[in-house]
Protein backbone atom coordinates (compact mmCIF):
# COMPACT_ATOMS: atom_id res chain seq x y z
CA UNK A 1 26.76 2.09 8.65
CA UNK A 2 27.03 1.75 4.97
CA UNK A 3 23.60 3.20 3.59
CA UNK A 4 21.05 1.43 1.23
CA UNK A 5 18.66 1.72 -1.16
CA UNK A 6 15.32 1.03 -1.33
CA UNK A 7 12.62 1.48 -4.10
CA UNK A 8 8.63 1.08 -3.47
CA UNK A 9 7.49 0.28 -6.95
CA UNK A 10 3.44 1.79 -5.32
CA UNK A 11 0.31 1.77 -7.34
CA UNK A 12 -0.84 4.61 -7.79
CA UNK A 13 0.22 8.70 -6.86
CA UNK A 14 -1.24 8.35 -3.17
CA UNK A 15 0.24 5.89 -2.12
CA UNK A 16 3.73 7.67 -3.68
CA UNK A 17 3.19 10.89 -1.37
CA UNK A 18 2.67 8.75 1.33
CA UNK A 19 6.37 7.21 0.89
CA UNK A 20 7.62 10.21 -0.16
CA UNK A 21 6.55 12.04 3.09
CA UNK A 22 6.56 9.56 5.83
CA UNK A 23 8.59 6.39 4.85
CA UNK A 24 11.17 8.17 3.32
CA UNK A 25 12.25 10.69 6.08
CA UNK A 26 11.95 7.49 8.36
CA UNK A 27 13.77 5.36 6.79
CA UNK A 28 16.35 7.31 6.73
CA UNK A 29 17.29 7.48 10.22
CA UNK A 30 17.98 3.40 9.50
CA UNK A 31 20.56 4.34 6.53
CA UNK A 32 17.95 3.36 4.17
CA UNK A 33 17.62 5.76 1.27
CA UNK A 34 14.03 5.26 -0.32
CA UNK A 35 12.78 5.77 -3.42
CA UNK A 36 9.82 6.04 -4.79
CA UNK A 37 8.04 4.88 -8.35
CA UNK A 38 4.66 4.25 -9.53
CA UNK A 39 4.54 1.38 -11.32
CA UNK A 40 4.50 1.34 -15.30
CA UNK A 41 1.02 0.10 -17.24
CA UNK A 42 2.17 1.22 -20.07
CA UNK A 43 5.81 1.65 -20.92
CA UNK A 44 5.20 2.89 -24.54
CA UNK A 45 3.26 6.13 -23.72
CA UNK A 46 4.67 6.05 -20.26
CA UNK A 47 2.13 5.84 -18.40
CA UNK A 48 2.22 4.70 -14.63
CA UNK A 49 -0.54 3.83 -11.91
CA UNK A 50 -2.65 0.78 -11.25
CA UNK A 51 -2.17 -2.65 -11.49
CA UNK A 52 -3.84 -2.93 -15.12
CA UNK A 53 -2.62 -7.06 -14.63
CA UNK A 54 0.26 -9.05 -13.62
CA UNK A 55 2.34 -9.23 -16.36
CA UNK A 56 2.93 -5.80 -16.11
CA UNK A 57 4.19 -5.28 -12.67
CA UNK A 58 6.44 -8.05 -13.29
CA UNK A 59 7.65 -7.04 -16.28
CA UNK A 60 8.56 -3.60 -14.38
CA UNK A 61 9.55 -5.38 -11.11
CA UNK A 62 12.12 -7.29 -12.96
CA UNK A 63 13.02 -4.35 -15.59
CA UNK A 64 13.99 -2.06 -11.95
CA UNK A 65 16.02 -5.75 -10.69
CA UNK A 66 18.44 -5.08 -13.86
CA UNK A 67 18.99 -2.03 -13.95
CA UNK A 68 20.05 -1.64 -10.61
CA UNK A 69 21.94 -5.16 -9.73
CA UNK A 70 23.85 -3.33 -6.60
CA UNK A 71 23.98 -5.93 -3.49
CA UNK A 72 22.93 -2.53 -1.70
CA UNK A 73 19.88 -2.11 -3.81
CA UNK A 74 16.48 -3.33 -2.08
CA UNK A 75 12.75 -3.60 -3.75
CA UNK A 76 9.19 -4.02 -1.99
CA UNK A 77 5.78 -2.96 -3.28
CA UNK A 78 3.07 -1.09 -2.09
CA UNK A 79 -0.01 -2.63 -4.00
CA UNK A 80 -3.42 -3.01 -3.28
CA UNK A 81 -5.40 -6.29 -2.16
CA UNK A 82 -8.89 -4.82 -3.44
CA UNK A 83 -9.06 -5.35 -7.22
CA UNK A 84 -6.28 -7.62 -7.14
CA UNK A 85 -5.77 -9.50 -10.82
CA UNK A 86 -6.92 -13.01 -10.73
CA UNK A 87 -3.70 -14.11 -12.67
CA UNK A 88 -1.98 -13.11 -9.80
CA UNK A 89 0.91 -15.84 -8.18
CA UNK A 90 -1.12 -17.65 -5.76
CA UNK A 91 -4.61 -16.24 -6.71
CA UNK A 92 -6.05 -20.17 -6.52
CA UNK A 93 -4.54 -21.20 -3.57
CA UNK A 94 -5.36 -17.81 -1.89
CA UNK A 95 -9.17 -17.50 -2.27
CA UNK A 96 -9.13 -21.31 -0.87
CA UNK A 97 -8.72 -18.94 2.75
CA UNK A 98 -11.26 -17.49 4.91
CA UNK A 99 -9.23 -14.83 6.52
CA UNK A 100 -7.83 -11.99 4.36
CA UNK A 101 -4.60 -11.43 6.56
CA UNK A 102 -3.56 -15.81 5.37
CA UNK A 103 -4.59 -15.08 1.86
CA UNK A 104 -2.48 -11.77 1.33
CA UNK A 105 0.53 -14.44 3.44
CA UNK A 106 0.32 -16.99 0.24
CA UNK A 107 0.30 -13.97 -2.44
CA UNK A 108 3.25 -12.12 -0.84
CA UNK A 109 4.91 -15.27 -0.46
CA UNK A 110 3.98 -16.53 -4.10
CA UNK A 111 5.15 -13.19 -5.69
CA UNK A 112 8.55 -13.22 -4.44
CA UNK A 113 9.01 -17.07 -5.60
CA UNK A 114 7.88 -15.91 -8.79
CA UNK A 115 10.23 -12.79 -8.86
CA UNK A 116 13.18 -14.35 -7.47
CA UNK A 117 15.62 -12.48 -6.77
CA UNK A 118 16.61 -12.41 -2.78
CA UNK A 119 16.73 -9.06 -2.32
CA UNK A 120 12.64 -8.43 -2.92
CA UNK A 121 10.19 -8.30 -0.16
CA UNK A 122 7.14 -7.83 -1.36
CA UNK A 123 4.03 -6.29 0.16
CA UNK A 124 0.02 -6.22 -0.92
CA UNK A 125 -2.29 -3.37 1.36
CA UNK A 126 -5.16 -4.42 3.40
CA UNK A 127 -7.22 -4.39 1.50
CA UNK A 128 -6.36 -1.04 0.04
CA UNK A 129 -4.66 2.42 1.30
CA UNK A 130 -7.34 3.77 2.66
CA UNK A 131 -7.67 1.33 5.12
CA UNK A 132 -4.76 3.38 6.80
CA UNK A 133 -7.43 6.13 6.97
CA UNK A 134 -9.61 4.41 9.01
CA UNK A 135 -6.88 4.72 12.08
CA UNK A 136 -7.76 8.30 13.06
CA UNK A 137 -11.03 9.32 10.44
CA UNK A 138 -10.93 12.42 11.68
CA UNK A 139 -7.87 13.27 9.96
CA UNK A 140 -9.35 12.65 6.50
CA UNK A 141 -12.54 14.45 7.70
CA UNK A 142 -10.53 18.21 8.96
CA UNK A 143 -9.29 18.12 5.14
CA UNK A 144 -12.24 18.00 3.79
CA UNK A 145 -15.38 20.65 4.85
CA UNK A 146 -18.82 20.37 5.59
CA UNK A 147 -18.71 17.03 5.92
CA UNK A 148 -18.48 16.55 10.29
CA UNK A 149 -22.02 14.15 9.82
CA UNK A 150 -20.85 12.10 6.85
CA UNK A 151 -17.66 11.11 8.68
CA UNK A 152 -19.53 10.84 12.22
CA UNK A 153 -21.84 7.78 9.70
CA UNK A 154 -19.30 6.21 8.21
CA UNK A 155 -17.21 6.16 11.86
CA UNK A 156 -20.60 4.24 12.97
CA UNK A 157 -20.50 1.29 10.39
CA UNK A 158 -17.00 0.45 11.08
CA UNK A 159 -17.39 0.90 14.70
CA UNK A 160 -16.78 -2.98 15.02
CA UNK A 161 -14.22 -3.01 12.32
CA UNK A 162 -10.56 -3.49 12.53
CA UNK A 163 -9.16 -0.75 9.43
CA UNK A 164 -7.24 -4.38 8.49
CA UNK A 165 -10.33 -6.21 7.86
CA UNK A 166 -12.44 -3.54 6.41
CA UNK A 167 -13.11 -5.69 3.53
CA UNK A 168 -12.57 -5.99 -0.59
CA UNK A 169 -16.35 -6.12 -1.56
CA UNK A 170 -17.61 -3.84 -4.39
CA UNK A 171 -19.42 -1.86 -2.54
CA UNK A 172 -17.18 -2.15 1.09
CA UNK A 173 -13.97 -1.52 0.00
CA UNK A 174 -12.25 1.16 2.32
CA UNK A 175 -12.46 3.61 -0.58
CA UNK A 176 -15.82 2.71 -1.70
CA UNK A 177 -16.76 3.35 1.94
CA UNK A 178 -15.60 6.76 1.96
CA UNK A 179 -17.00 7.73 -1.36
CA UNK A 180 -20.37 6.41 -0.70
CA UNK A 181 -20.07 8.38 2.60
CA UNK A 182 -18.56 11.54 0.85
CA UNK A 183 -18.26 11.40 -2.83
CA UNK A 184 -16.28 14.23 -3.48
CA UNK A 185 -13.22 12.14 -1.95
CA UNK A 186 -12.87 10.47 -5.15
CA UNK A 187 -11.34 13.55 -7.08
CA UNK A 188 -9.31 14.84 -3.67
CA UNK A 189 -8.24 11.34 -3.15
CA UNK A 190 -4.38 12.33 -3.68
CA UNK A 191 -4.84 15.75 -2.27
CA UNK A 192 -6.32 14.80 1.03
CA UNK A 193 -5.14 10.85 1.58
CA UNK A 194 -1.52 10.54 1.87
CA UNK A 195 -2.09 14.24 4.18
CA UNK A 196 -4.75 12.55 6.34
CA UNK A 197 -2.48 9.67 6.67
CA UNK A 198 0.89 11.81 7.63
CA UNK A 199 -1.21 13.31 10.09
CA UNK A 200 -2.37 10.25 11.94
CA UNK A 201 1.82 9.38 11.99
CA UNK A 202 3.22 6.08 11.51
CA UNK A 203 3.01 4.62 15.49
CA UNK A 204 -0.71 4.62 14.92
CA UNK A 205 -0.64 3.44 11.78
CA UNK A 206 1.48 0.65 13.17
CA UNK A 207 -0.32 0.42 16.26
CA UNK A 208 -3.95 -0.18 13.92
CA UNK A 209 -2.47 -2.08 11.48
CA UNK A 210 0.00 -5.22 12.04
CA UNK A 211 0.22 -5.97 8.35
CA UNK A 212 1.67 -2.68 8.00
CA UNK A 213 3.81 -2.89 10.96
CA UNK A 214 5.17 -6.12 9.59
CA UNK A 215 5.93 -4.53 7.11
CA UNK A 216 8.11 -2.06 8.05
CA UNK A 217 9.58 -3.92 10.63
CA UNK A 218 11.21 -5.85 8.15
CA UNK A 219 12.78 -3.11 6.01
CA UNK A 220 13.54 -1.31 9.27
CA UNK A 221 16.34 -5.10 9.58
CA UNK A 222 17.77 -4.05 5.80
CA UNK A 223 20.70 -3.34 7.09
CA UNK A 224 21.11 -6.18 9.33
């Protein structure tokens, strides 16, 4: 089977490490070579990371697609719904929907139309990367010493919520809840977040996060 190249444009270093450590080896078994890159937010300074405004991610994606115009190249994103800029395509229509999954599907569809390249399969994370960590908070707790009681409180706080249902409020988004109980996480997130998600494992992440699972399933079929 001929190999495909899959460029994953991510929002930050935690997502990049996760994609490199988990998605890259997994998709190799499907003859898909994963190339992870952090979105370029300041071309002059060569700065990458964070979705500062929509034009930056749009221009970065289009530039990449011009650089690799071959049909075996594929492109996707891993960016957060949380704090997504309001000028994002489909934003107004998405806000009319009550369910987050409906909002994110509208935004992904609008992004695909805006980019206008059949090789592009957009993905927006509900509601941010840290949602994946809620599949098994014990993996994160084990990586930050002295936090057993803090994570016990956090687990109690979200016990009735599925990981992808933890919302985009300024104080209740997935990362904000962790930081509220474990403030040091804000400085450690790249060092401990991606390894915790890796330890949880792709099967459990897919089982507990249906939108994430649908994205992975889509990518599995790139060579079919």
